[in-house]
């Protein structure tokens, strides 16, 4: 039986680790997770925030994910979007998912990321 998503893996081109760190740590506010020694030799970076983990693995013939993406829940989505914009990241709002506020952004290598927050409706 499945109990949780352990992590999401995205791909990145060789040599992009510093740009990934700048985005995932400085812009998104995640923490870099040290990779096990046996895996660190492959390159790439792992990042976490609470129970969320994103692993960026190096792929020699890299192409960014333009449709596929992780959906990342946030609290205070307006402030979080403002944080990204203030740090130079693009934010594209999308109102196509009922019951949620959401926007998309791209990491420095072009991977699509979705950020969403459920909207609590007031019942009368």
C-alpha atoms as a PDB file:
ATOM      1  CA  UNK A   1       0.000   0.000   0.000  1.00  0.00           C
ATOM      2  CA  UNK A   2       1.248   3.510  -0.825  1.00  0.00           C
ATOM      3  CA  UNK A   3       1.494   5.902   2.096  1.00  0.00           C
ATOM      4  CA  UNK A   4       3.175   9.061   0.788  1.00  0.00           C
ATOM      5  CA  UNK A   5       5.297  10.555  -1.966  1.00  0.00           C
ATOM      6  CA  UNK A   6       8.901  10.353  -0.775  1.00  0.00           C
ATOM      7  CA  UNK A   7      10.313  12.807  -3.334  1.00  0.00           C
ATOM      8  CA  UNK A   8       9.926  14.106  -6.870  1.00  0.00           C
ATOM      9  CA  UNK A   9      12.872  13.878  -9.264  1.00  0.00           C
ATOM     10  CA  UNK A  10      13.432  16.504 -11.946  1.00  0.00           C
ATOM     11  CA  UNK A  11      16.228  16.554 -14.488  1.00  0.00           C
ATOM     12  CA  UNK A  12      18.843  19.233 -15.090  1.00  0.00           C
ATOM     13  CA  UNK A  13      21.772  19.698 -17.477  1.00  0.00           C
ATOM     14  CA  UNK A  14      25.373  19.021 -16.475  1.00  0.00           C
ATOM     15  CA  UNK A  15      27.016  21.911 -14.627  1.00  0.00           C
ATOM     16  CA  UNK A  16      23.761  23.548 -13.471  1.00  0.00           C
ATOM     17  CA  UNK A  17      24.081  22.834  -9.743  1.00  0.00           C
ATOM     18  CA  UNK A  18      25.006  26.409  -8.716  1.00  0.00           C
ATOM     19  CA  UNK A  19      22.044  27.884 -10.624  1.00  0.00           C
ATOM     20  CA  UNK A  20      19.757  25.249  -9.080  1.00  0.00           C
ATOM     21  CA  UNK A  21      20.997  26.087  -5.571  1.00  0.00           C
ATOM     22  CA  UNK A  22      20.406  29.797  -6.181  1.00  0.00           C
ATOM     23  CA  UNK A  23      16.817  29.116  -7.241  1.00  0.00           C
ATOM     24  CA  UNK A  24      15.711  26.367  -4.861  1.00  0.00           C
ATOM     25  CA  UNK A  25      17.463  27.767  -1.763  1.00  0.00           C
ATOM     26  CA  UNK A  26      17.605  31.542  -2.286  1.00  0.00           C
ATOM     27  CA  UNK A  27      14.357  32.045  -4.216  1.00  0.00           C
ATOM     28  CA  UNK A  28      12.086  29.208  -3.045  1.00  0.00           C
ATOM     29  CA  UNK A  29      13.488  29.067   0.497  1.00  0.00           C
ATOM     30  CA  UNK A  30      14.237  25.345   0.503  1.00  0.00           C
ATOM     31  CA  UNK A  31      17.229  23.745   2.230  1.00  0.00           C
ATOM     32  CA  UNK A  32      19.825  21.698   0.375  1.00  0.00           C
ATOM     33  CA  UNK A  33      19.872  18.082   1.539  1.00  0.00           C
ATOM     34  CA  UNK A  34      23.291  16.413   1.376  1.00  0.00           C
ATOM     35  CA  UNK A  35      23.269  13.543  -1.115  1.00  0.00           C
ATOM     36  CA  UNK A  36      24.687  10.193  -0.028  1.00  0.00           C
ATOM     37  CA  UNK A  37      28.348   9.932  -1.075  1.00  0.00           C
ATOM     38  CA  UNK A  38      27.665   7.140  -3.556  1.00  0.00           C
ATOM     39  CA  UNK A  39      25.058   9.330  -5.330  1.00  0.00           C
ATOM     40  CA  UNK A  40      26.881  12.674  -5.037  1.00  0.00           C
ATOM     41  CA  UNK A  41      29.391  11.537  -7.653  1.00  0.00           C
ATOM     42  CA  UNK A  42      26.574  11.647 -10.224  1.00  0.00           C
ATOM     43  CA  UNK A  43      26.066  15.385  -9.703  1.00  0.00           C
ATOM     44  CA  UNK A  44      22.774  17.097  -9.108  1.00  0.00           C
ATOM     45  CA  UNK A  45      21.229  18.465  -5.914  1.00  0.00           C
ATOM     46  CA  UNK A  46      18.515  17.540  -3.440  1.00  0.00           C
ATOM     47  CA  UNK A  47      16.309  20.105  -1.701  1.00  0.00           C
ATOM     48  CA  UNK A  48      13.717  19.955   1.047  1.00  0.00           C
ATOM     49  CA  UNK A  49      11.143  22.049   2.868  1.00  0.00           C
ATOM     50  CA  UNK A  50       9.153  20.288   5.574  1.00  0.00           C
ATOM     51  CA  UNK A  51       7.966  16.968   4.153  1.00  0.00           C
ATOM     52  CA  UNK A  52       8.602  18.098   0.545  1.00  0.00           C
ATOM     53  CA  UNK A  53      11.721  16.854  -1.247  1.00  0.00           C
ATOM     54  CA  UNK A  54      12.796  17.688  -4.791  1.00  0.00           C
ATOM     55  CA  UNK A  55      15.760  15.845  -6.284  1.00  0.00           C
ATOM     56  CA  UNK A  56      17.452  17.375  -9.321  1.00  0.00           C
ATOM     57  CA  UNK A  57      19.393  14.759 -11.240  1.00  0.00           C
ATOM     58  CA  UNK A  58      21.841  15.403 -14.036  1.00  0.00           C
ATOM     59  CA  UNK A  59      20.837  14.262 -17.510  1.00  0.00           C
ATOM     60  CA  UNK A  60      23.330  14.631 -20.368  1.00  0.00           C
ATOM     61  CA  UNK A  61      20.651  15.130 -23.063  1.00  0.00           C
ATOM     62  CA  UNK A  62      18.470  17.280 -20.795  1.00  0.00           C
ATOM     63  CA  UNK A  63      15.226  18.824 -22.000  1.00  0.00           C
ATOM     64  CA  UNK A  64      13.124  20.764 -19.448  1.00  0.00           C
ATOM     65  CA  UNK A  65       9.728  19.438 -18.400  1.00  0.00           C
ATOM     66  CA  UNK A  66       7.280  21.937 -19.913  1.00  0.00           C
ATOM     67  CA  UNK A  67       4.020  20.100 -19.133  1.00  0.00           C
ATOM     68  CA  UNK A  68       4.933  17.578 -16.423  1.00  0.00           C
ATOM     69  CA  UNK A  69       5.551  19.257 -13.072  1.00  0.00           C
ATOM     70  CA  UNK A  70       5.384  18.861  -9.325  1.00  0.00           C
ATOM     71  CA  UNK A  71       2.446  20.586  -7.643  1.00  0.00           C
ATOM     72  CA  UNK A  72       3.726  22.200  -4.447  1.00  0.00           C
ATOM     73  CA  UNK A  73       1.297  23.304  -1.727  1.00  0.00           C
ATOM     74  CA  UNK A  74       2.075  26.621  -0.066  1.00  0.00           C
ATOM     75  CA  UNK A  75       0.598  28.672   2.752  1.00  0.00           C
ATOM     76  CA  UNK A  76       0.169  32.378   2.046  1.00  0.00           C
ATOM     77  CA  UNK A  77       0.348  32.061  -1.725  1.00  0.00           C
ATOM     78  CA  UNK A  78       0.153  35.814  -2.413  1.00  0.00           C
ATOM     79  CA  UNK A  79       3.177  36.513  -0.189  1.00  0.00           C
ATOM     80  CA  UNK A  80       5.020  33.504  -1.602  1.00  0.00           C
ATOM     81  CA  UNK A  81       4.436  34.705  -5.174  1.00  0.00           C
ATOM     82  CA  UNK A  82       5.656  38.170  -4.178  1.00  0.00           C
ATOM     83  CA  UNK A  83       8.813  36.566  -2.744  1.00  0.00           C
ATOM     84  CA  UNK A  84       9.548  34.855  -6.068  1.00  0.00           C
ATOM     85  CA  UNK A  85       8.918  38.012  -8.100  1.00  0.00           C
ATOM     86  CA  UNK A  86      11.095  40.117  -5.754  1.00  0.00           C
ATOM     87  CA  UNK A  87      13.929  37.640  -6.326  1.00  0.00           C
ATOM     88  CA  UNK A  88      13.586  37.725 -10.114  1.00  0.00           C
ATOM     89  CA  UNK A  89      11.493  34.612 -10.808  1.00  0.00           C
ATOM     90  CA  UNK A  90       8.540  34.715 -13.177  1.00  0.00           C
ATOM     91  CA  UNK A  91       5.101  34.007 -11.718  1.00  0.00           C
ATOM     92  CA  UNK A  92       2.206  33.106 -14.011  1.00  0.00           C
ATOM     93  CA  UNK A  93      -1.165  32.977 -12.256  1.00  0.00           C
ATOM     94  CA  UNK A  94      -3.757  30.424 -13.415  1.00  0.00           C
ATOM     95  CA  UNK A  95      -7.353  30.359 -12.192  1.00  0.00           C
ATOM     96  CA  UNK A  96      -8.232  27.096 -13.963  1.00  0.00           C
ATOM     97  CA  UNK A  97      -8.398  24.875 -10.866  1.00  0.00           C
ATOM     98  CA  UNK A  98     -11.593  25.393  -8.835  1.00  0.00           C
ATOM     99  CA  UNK A  99     -11.017  25.657  -5.102  1.00  0.00           C
ATOM    100  CA  UNK A 100      -7.363  26.677  -5.403  1.00  0.00           C
ATOM    101  CA  UNK A 101      -5.240  29.739  -6.005  1.00  0.00           C
ATOM    102  CA  UNK A 102      -2.255  28.721  -8.079  1.00  0.00           C
ATOM    103  CA  UNK A 103       0.614  29.940 -10.188  1.00  0.00           C
ATOM    104  CA  UNK A 104       3.398  28.469 -12.260  1.00  0.00           C
ATOM    105  CA  UNK A 105       7.077  29.302 -12.349  1.00  0.00           C
ATOM    106  CA  UNK A 106      10.155  27.790 -13.964  1.00  0.00           C
ATOM    107  CA  UNK A 107      13.443  26.869 -12.386  1.00  0.00           C
ATOM    108  CA  UNK A 108      16.642  28.232 -13.998  1.00  0.00           C
ATOM    109  CA  UNK A 109      16.897  25.255 -16.369  1.00  0.00           C
ATOM    110  CA  UNK A 110      13.283  25.537 -17.555  1.00  0.00           C
ATOM    111  CA  UNK A 111      11.453  22.919 -15.472  1.00  0.00           C
ATOM    112  CA  UNK A 112       7.830  23.871 -14.802  1.00  0.00           C
ATOM    113  CA  UNK A 113       6.711  24.111 -11.159  1.00  0.00           C
ATOM    114  CA  UNK A 114       3.154  24.605  -9.883  1.00  0.00           C
ATOM    115  CA  UNK A 115       2.456  26.305  -6.553  1.00  0.00           C
ATOM    116  CA  UNK A 116      -1.031  26.062  -5.101  1.00  0.00           C
ATOM    117  CA  UNK A 117      -3.075  26.836  -2.027  1.00  0.00           C
ATOM    118  CA  UNK A 118      -6.604  25.568  -1.398  1.00  0.00           C
ATOM    119  CA  UNK A 119      -9.189  28.313  -0.966  1.00  0.00           C
ATOM    120  CA  UNK A 120     -11.553  27.807   1.924  1.00  0.00           C
ATOM    121  CA  UNK A 121     -15.047  28.748   0.844  1.00  0.00           C
ATOM    122  CA  UNK A 122     -17.329  30.363   3.372  1.00  0.00           C
ATOM    123  CA  UNK A 123     -20.490  28.383   3.992  1.00  0.00           C
ATOM    124  CA  UNK A 124     -23.688  30.235   4.867  1.00  0.00           C
END
